[in-house]
Amino acid sequence: MKYFVIVNPTSGHGLGEKAIPQIESFLKEHGFDFTLICTTGVWHAAELAEGAARDGYDVIVCASGDGTVNEAINGIMRAKKAGYNGAAFTVLSIGTGNDFSGGTGIPTNLKDGLNSLKADKRKRIDLGLVKGGDYPEGRYFGNGIGVGFDAAVGNEAIKVRWTRGLLAYLIGVIKTVFLYYNPAQVEIILDDKETISQRSLMISVMNGRRMGGGFQMAPESHPDDGLFDLCIAETASKGRILRMIPHFIKGTQKTLPEIQMKRAKTVSIKSLDMTFPAHADGEFICLNGKYLTLELLPQELEIIHA
């Protein structure tokens, strides 16, 4: 088998570049036939992944964080839509959150990720497709979509340079509570059957389970069950938001009166007044969005997992 390894050298505040010797040593030691390329900018991973899939590589590996993973998934899907269906996918987790890995059973550290690559255990997972914002033609995602507070937190977390993972996102939460406090009145339609209208602090549409390196947005989600899991939060006071945070870390937020947990195959989110920020797998799809549609694509991607 031929492996195409995409490394984002800036992932994990530079851990990507530092990990290259370890990755190359392991792959050579175990006889992998591989090509390793570093990304040089935004959307480069998508171009590399699409090219690798078209060139007949059997496995595409992302040594990166969630943003680069998202780009690679989009590249694989572009090749698939053009008729190139052979490439499996996996991640060597060296990012800040590693949420895609954490929700799909891929190891969340480099050593275990390399060992799972060697073991070659596979399964198929669902993907999501979101249309709207800066991507009217659509962008694929593997872990989840965040609208409102969640997206604003991610924007603040990436500015934290001295730490990573859950702590960086907790700092982002504290900053966002005092910066982003004017959520939109939204209309959420699930499977064209159920409508929720409210001023929503946050809407998370999950294929995986967590965001921000440890916030359990959908603790009962399975990435291969053919359904999105939604966590919809009604607006709350600043103090109340801070008191809710431990529930999201433990995954017990469904017990809170402000929270609705739902499941659906299709979702539309429309603002009835002001705009909202939104992200896909941590990558912004809009800062001033008004309307998004989401569709679940069952069993769309083969992955190598633990």
Protein backbone atom coordinates (compact mmCIF):
# COMPACT_ATOMS: atom_id res chain seq x y z
CA MET A 1 0.00 0.00 0.00
CA LYS A 2 1.04 3.57 -0.68
CA TYR A 3 0.65 6.19 2.05
CA PHE A 4 0.50 9.95 1.52
CA VAL A 5 1.36 11.86 4.71
CA ILE A 6 0.33 15.51 4.99
CA VAL A 7 2.07 17.40 7.80
CA ASN A 8 1.04 20.84 8.97
CA PRO A 9 4.33 22.10 10.49
CA THR A 10 2.55 24.82 12.47
CA SER A 11 0.00 22.51 14.16
CA GLY A 12 0.11 22.38 17.94
CA HIS A 13 2.15 25.61 18.06
CA GLY A 14 4.96 24.01 16.05
CA LEU A 15 4.65 20.41 17.21
CA GLY A 16 3.94 19.38 13.63
CA GLU A 17 7.40 20.29 12.43
CA LYS A 18 9.06 18.74 15.47
CA ALA A 19 7.18 15.47 14.89
CA ILE A 20 8.45 14.89 11.35
CA PRO A 21 11.63 12.94 12.33
CA GLN A 22 9.60 10.63 14.60
CA ILE A 23 7.02 10.02 11.88
CA GLU A 24 9.61 9.35 9.17
CA SER A 25 11.64 7.07 11.44
CA PHE A 26 8.60 4.97 12.37
CA LEU A 27 7.35 4.64 8.80
CA LYS A 28 10.79 3.66 7.47
CA GLU A 29 11.40 1.21 10.31
CA HIS A 30 8.13 -0.60 9.59
CA GLY A 31 8.52 -0.66 5.82
CA PHE A 32 5.84 1.80 4.79
CA ASP A 33 5.84 3.01 1.17
CA PHE A 34 5.14 6.68 1.82
CA THR A 35 5.42 10.23 0.59
CA LEU A 36 5.51 13.04 3.16
CA ILE A 37 4.67 16.63 2.25
CA CYS A 38 4.31 19.71 4.47
CA THR A 39 1.54 22.22 3.96
CA THR A 40 2.51 25.79 3.17
CA GLY A 41 -0.75 27.68 3.57
CA VAL A 42 -4.52 27.70 3.81
CA TRP A 43 -6.32 25.02 1.76
CA HIS A 44 -3.02 23.41 0.71
CA ALA A 45 -3.97 20.22 2.57
CA ALA A 46 -7.16 19.96 0.49
CA GLU A 47 -5.15 20.24 -2.72
CA LEU A 48 -2.62 17.66 -1.52
CA ALA A 49 -5.29 15.20 -0.40
CA GLU A 50 -7.27 15.52 -3.61
CA GLY A 51 -4.12 15.02 -5.67
CA ALA A 52 -3.09 11.97 -3.63
CA ALA A 53 -6.52 10.38 -4.02
CA ARG A 54 -6.46 11.00 -7.76
CA ASP A 55 -2.93 9.56 -7.97
CA GLY A 56 -4.02 6.28 -6.43
CA TYR A 57 -2.60 6.47 -2.91
CA ASP A 58 -4.27 3.90 -0.68
CA VAL A 59 -4.16 5.86 2.60
CA ILE A 60 -4.03 9.61 3.23
CA VAL A 61 -2.62 10.54 6.64
CA CYS A 62 -2.89 13.96 8.27
CA ALA A 63 -0.28 14.80 10.92
CA SER A 64 -2.00 17.93 12.14
CA GLY A 65 -4.83 19.48 14.07
CA ASP A 66 -8.51 19.63 13.22
CA GLY A 67 -8.34 22.46 10.70
CA THR A 68 -5.94 20.63 8.42
CA VAL A 69 -7.94 17.43 8.92
CA ASN A 70 -11.02 19.26 7.68
CA GLU A 71 -9.17 20.50 4.61
CA ALA A 72 -7.91 16.99 3.82
CA ILE A 73 -11.41 15.54 4.14
CA ASN A 74 -12.65 18.15 1.67
CA GLY A 75 -9.87 17.21 -0.74
CA ILE A 76 -10.70 13.50 -0.47
CA MET A 77 -14.38 14.23 -1.07
CA ARG A 78 -13.65 16.38 -4.10
CA ALA A 79 -11.67 13.48 -5.58
CA LYS A 80 -14.44 11.06 -4.65
CA LYS A 81 -17.04 13.16 -6.43
CA ALA A 82 -14.79 12.98 -9.50
CA GLY A 83 -14.79 9.17 -9.31
CA TYR A 84 -11.64 8.46 -7.29
CA ASN A 85 -12.98 6.34 -4.42
CA GLY A 86 -10.01 4.34 -3.16
CA ALA A 87 -8.32 6.39 -0.41
CA ALA A 88 -8.78 5.67 3.30
CA PHE A 89 -7.98 8.34 5.86
CA THR A 90 -6.44 8.69 9.30
CA VAL A 91 -4.86 11.27 11.60
CA LEU A 92 -1.64 11.55 13.57
CA SER A 93 -2.94 13.91 16.24
CA ILE A 94 -0.62 16.81 17.01
CA GLY A 95 -3.07 19.71 17.09
CA THR A 96 -4.60 21.90 19.76
CA GLY A 97 -7.95 20.16 20.12
CA ASN A 98 -7.73 16.83 18.22
CA ASP A 99 -11.51 16.63 18.39
CA PHE A 100 -12.05 14.71 15.14
CA SER A 101 -9.77 11.98 16.44
CA GLY A 102 -11.37 12.03 19.87
CA GLY A 103 -14.84 11.52 18.39
CA THR A 104 -14.02 8.80 15.86
CA GLY A 105 -11.77 6.46 17.83
CA ILE A 106 -8.50 7.63 16.28
CA PRO A 107 -5.75 8.01 18.93
CA THR A 108 -5.27 11.56 20.21
CA ASN A 109 -1.49 11.29 20.56
CA LEU A 110 1.27 10.70 18.03
CA LYS A 111 2.74 7.46 19.38
CA ASP A 112 -0.57 5.62 19.53
CA GLY A 113 -1.55 7.07 16.17
CA LEU A 114 1.51 5.59 14.51
CA ASN A 115 0.82 2.21 16.11
CA SER A 116 -2.80 2.27 14.89
CA LEU A 117 -1.58 3.11 11.39
CA LYS A 118 0.49 -0.07 11.50
CA ALA A 119 -2.41 -2.15 12.88
CA ASP A 120 -4.63 -0.91 10.01
CA LYS A 121 -8.00 -1.41 11.74
CA ARG A 122 -10.73 0.20 9.63
CA LYS A 123 -14.33 1.37 9.75
CA ARG A 124 -16.59 3.72 7.82
CA ILE A 125 -17.96 6.94 9.32
CA ASP A 126 -20.52 9.56 8.36
CA LEU A 127 -19.61 13.05 7.18
CA GLY A 128 -21.55 16.30 7.13
CA LEU A 129 -22.00 18.85 4.36
CA VAL A 130 -22.77 22.46 5.29
CA LYS A 131 -23.84 25.11 2.79
CA GLY A 132 -24.03 28.84 3.44
CA GLY A 133 -21.89 31.64 4.80
CA ASP A 134 -18.62 31.82 2.87
CA TYR A 135 -19.29 28.37 1.35
CA PRO A 136 -22.58 28.52 -0.59
CA GLU A 137 -21.37 25.56 -2.67
CA GLY A 138 -20.72 23.55 0.51
CA ARG A 139 -17.94 22.44 2.83
CA TYR A 140 -17.60 18.93 4.26
CA PHE A 141 -16.90 18.32 7.94
CA GLY A 142 -16.08 15.30 10.05
CA ASN A 143 -16.59 16.45 13.63
CA GLY A 144 -19.10 19.25 13.92
CA ILE A 145 -20.49 22.70 13.22
CA GLY A 146 -20.58 25.40 15.87
CA VAL A 147 -22.85 28.45 15.58
CA GLY A 148 -22.74 31.47 17.88
CA PHE A 149 -20.93 31.31 21.20
CA ASP A 150 -18.97 28.18 20.28
CA ALA A 151 -17.56 29.79 17.14
CA ALA A 152 -16.65 32.95 19.03
CA VAL A 153 -14.82 30.87 21.66
CA GLY A 154 -12.76 29.17 18.96
CA ASN A 155 -11.77 32.55 17.56
CA GLU A 156 -10.46 33.61 20.97
CA ALA A 157 -8.79 30.26 21.72
CA ILE A 158 -6.56 30.40 18.65
CA LYS A 159 -5.13 33.69 19.94
CA VAL A 160 -3.81 31.91 23.06
CA ARG A 161 -0.23 31.03 22.17
CA TRP A 162 1.23 29.79 25.46
CA THR A 163 -0.97 26.73 25.94
CA ARG A 164 -3.14 24.33 23.92
CA GLY A 165 -6.03 21.92 24.28
CA LEU A 166 -8.82 22.36 26.80
CA LEU A 167 -7.07 25.13 28.76
CA ALA A 168 -6.80 27.34 25.68
CA TYR A 169 -10.51 26.93 25.04
CA LEU A 170 -11.41 27.63 28.66
CA ILE A 171 -9.52 30.91 28.37
CA GLY A 172 -11.46 31.55 25.16
CA VAL A 173 -14.73 30.88 27.00
CA ILE A 174 -13.95 33.41 29.72
CA LYS A 175 -12.98 36.07 27.18
CA THR A 176 -16.01 35.35 24.99
CA VAL A 177 -18.49 35.60 27.86
CA PHE A 178 -17.58 39.27 28.11
CA LEU A 179 -17.17 39.91 24.37
CA TYR A 180 -19.90 37.91 22.66
CA TYR A 181 -23.14 38.47 24.48
CA ASN A 182 -25.74 39.35 21.88
CA PRO A 183 -26.92 36.08 20.30
CA ALA A 184 -29.21 35.94 17.30
CA GLN A 185 -32.88 35.00 17.25
CA VAL A 186 -32.82 31.85 15.13
CA GLU A 187 -35.16 29.39 13.50
CA ILE A 188 -33.83 25.82 13.50
CA ILE A 189 -35.62 23.21 11.36
CA LEU A 190 -34.86 19.51 11.88
CA ASP A 191 -35.62 17.03 9.05
CA ASP A 192 -38.30 19.45 7.75
CA LYS A 193 -40.49 18.27 10.66
CA GLU A 194 -39.58 20.12 13.87
CA THR A 195 -39.00 23.86 14.23
CA ILE A 196 -37.24 25.54 17.16
CA SER A 197 -37.42 29.34 17.37
CA GLN A 198 -35.46 31.05 20.13
CA ARG A 199 -32.60 33.39 20.93
CA SER A 200 -29.83 30.79 20.87
CA LEU A 201 -26.56 31.32 22.62
CA MET A 202 -25.06 28.33 20.82
CA ILE A 203 -25.96 25.61 18.33
CA SER A 204 -23.63 22.63 17.94
CA VAL A 205 -24.39 20.14 15.17
CA MET A 206 -22.19 17.15 15.87
CA ASN A 207 -21.04 14.07 13.99
CA GLY A 208 -18.35 13.51 16.63
CA ARG A 209 -18.63 14.03 20.38
CA ARG A 210 -16.50 16.94 21.51
CA MET A 211 -15.15 20.36 20.61
CA GLY A 212 -12.44 22.54 22.07
CA GLY A 213 -10.26 19.66 23.19
CA GLY A 214 -12.63 18.46 25.87
CA PHE A 215 -16.10 20.04 25.77
CA GLN A 216 -18.47 17.07 25.41
CA MET A 217 -21.01 18.70 23.12
CA ALA A 218 -22.66 15.39 22.17
CA PRO A 219 -21.49 12.67 24.57
CA GLU A 220 -23.94 10.10 23.15
CA SER A 221 -23.02 10.72 19.50
CA HIS A 222 -21.72 7.99 17.21
CA PRO A 223 -20.02 9.03 13.95
CA ASP A 224 -21.48 6.07 12.05
CA ASP A 225 -25.16 6.09 13.12
CA GLY A 226 -26.57 8.15 10.25
CA LEU A 227 -27.63 11.08 12.46
CA PHE A 228 -26.35 14.43 13.64
CA ASP A 229 -26.49 15.04 17.39
CA LEU A 230 -27.44 18.63 18.24
CA CYS A 231 -26.77 20.60 21.40
CA ILE A 232 -28.89 23.76 21.34
CA ALA A 233 -28.41 26.32 24.11
CA GLU A 234 -30.84 29.12 24.83
CA THR A 235 -29.42 32.49 25.81
CA ALA A 236 -28.36 32.95 29.44
CA SER A 237 -26.73 35.50 31.71
CA LYS A 238 -22.95 35.81 31.91
CA GLY A 239 -22.86 34.22 35.34
CA ARG A 240 -25.13 31.41 34.25
CA ILE A 241 -22.93 30.69 31.21
CA LEU A 242 -19.89 30.30 33.45
CA ARG A 243 -21.80 27.95 35.76
CA MET A 244 -22.83 25.84 32.76
CA ILE A 245 -19.26 25.21 31.58
CA PRO A 246 -18.47 22.28 33.96
CA HIS A 247 -21.54 20.46 32.62
CA PHE A 248 -20.15 20.67 29.07
CA ILE A 249 -16.80 19.31 30.23
CA LYS A 250 -18.53 16.39 31.97
CA GLY A 251 -21.13 15.93 29.23
CA THR A 252 -24.09 16.43 31.58
CA GLN A 253 -25.51 19.58 29.99
CA LYS A 254 -28.71 17.84 28.89
CA THR A 255 -29.88 18.17 32.51
CA LEU A 256 -29.86 21.98 32.23
CA PRO A 257 -33.10 23.83 31.43
CA GLU A 258 -31.42 25.99 28.76
CA ILE A 259 -30.25 22.95 26.76
CA GLN A 260 -32.05 20.86 24.14
CA MET A 261 -30.40 17.72 22.73
CA LYS A 262 -31.79 16.62 19.37
CA ARG A 263 -31.01 14.23 16.50
CA ALA A 264 -31.59 14.79 12.79
CA LYS A 265 -30.32 13.99 9.30
CA THR A 266 -30.86 17.50 7.92
CA VAL A 267 -30.73 20.83 9.71
CA SER A 268 -31.35 24.41 8.63
CA ILE A 269 -30.40 27.40 10.78
CA LYS A 270 -31.76 30.84 9.91
CA SER A 271 -31.21 34.10 11.76
CA LEU A 272 -34.31 36.20 12.15
CA ASP A 273 -32.41 39.36 13.13
CA MET A 274 -28.64 39.77 13.51
CA THR A 275 -25.86 37.70 11.97
CA PHE A 276 -23.94 34.85 13.63
CA PRO A 277 -20.41 33.38 13.44
CA ALA A 278 -20.03 29.69 12.58
CA HIS A 279 -17.24 27.17 12.16
CA ALA A 280 -16.81 23.71 10.64
CA ASP A 281 -14.32 21.55 12.57
CA GLY A 282 -12.83 24.72 14.02
CA GLU A 283 -12.45 26.47 10.65
CA PHE A 284 -14.62 29.55 10.14
CA ILE A 285 -17.31 29.22 7.51
CA CYS A 286 -18.67 32.68 8.27
CA LEU A 287 -18.28 35.55 10.71
CA ASN A 288 -21.58 37.21 9.75
CA GLY A 289 -23.84 34.39 8.64
CA LYS A 290 -27.61 34.45 8.20
CA TYR A 291 -28.51 30.98 6.90
CA LEU A 292 -26.94 27.50 6.91
CA THR A 293 -28.18 24.13 5.70
CA LEU A 294 -26.61 20.87 6.85
CA GLU A 295 -26.93 17.36 5.45
CA LEU A 296 -25.59 14.11 6.89
CA LEU A 297 -23.82 11.79 4.42
CA PRO A 298 -23.88 8.23 5.85
CA GLN A 299 -20.85 5.90 5.74
CA GLU A 300 -18.99 8.33 3.49
CA LEU A 301 -15.37 7.95 4.67
CA GLU A 302 -13.22 4.95 5.55
CA ILE A 303 -10.84 5.64 8.42
CA ILE A 304 -8.05 3.80 10.24
CA HIS A 305 -8.69 3.87 14.00
CA ALA A 306 -7.44 2.38 17.25
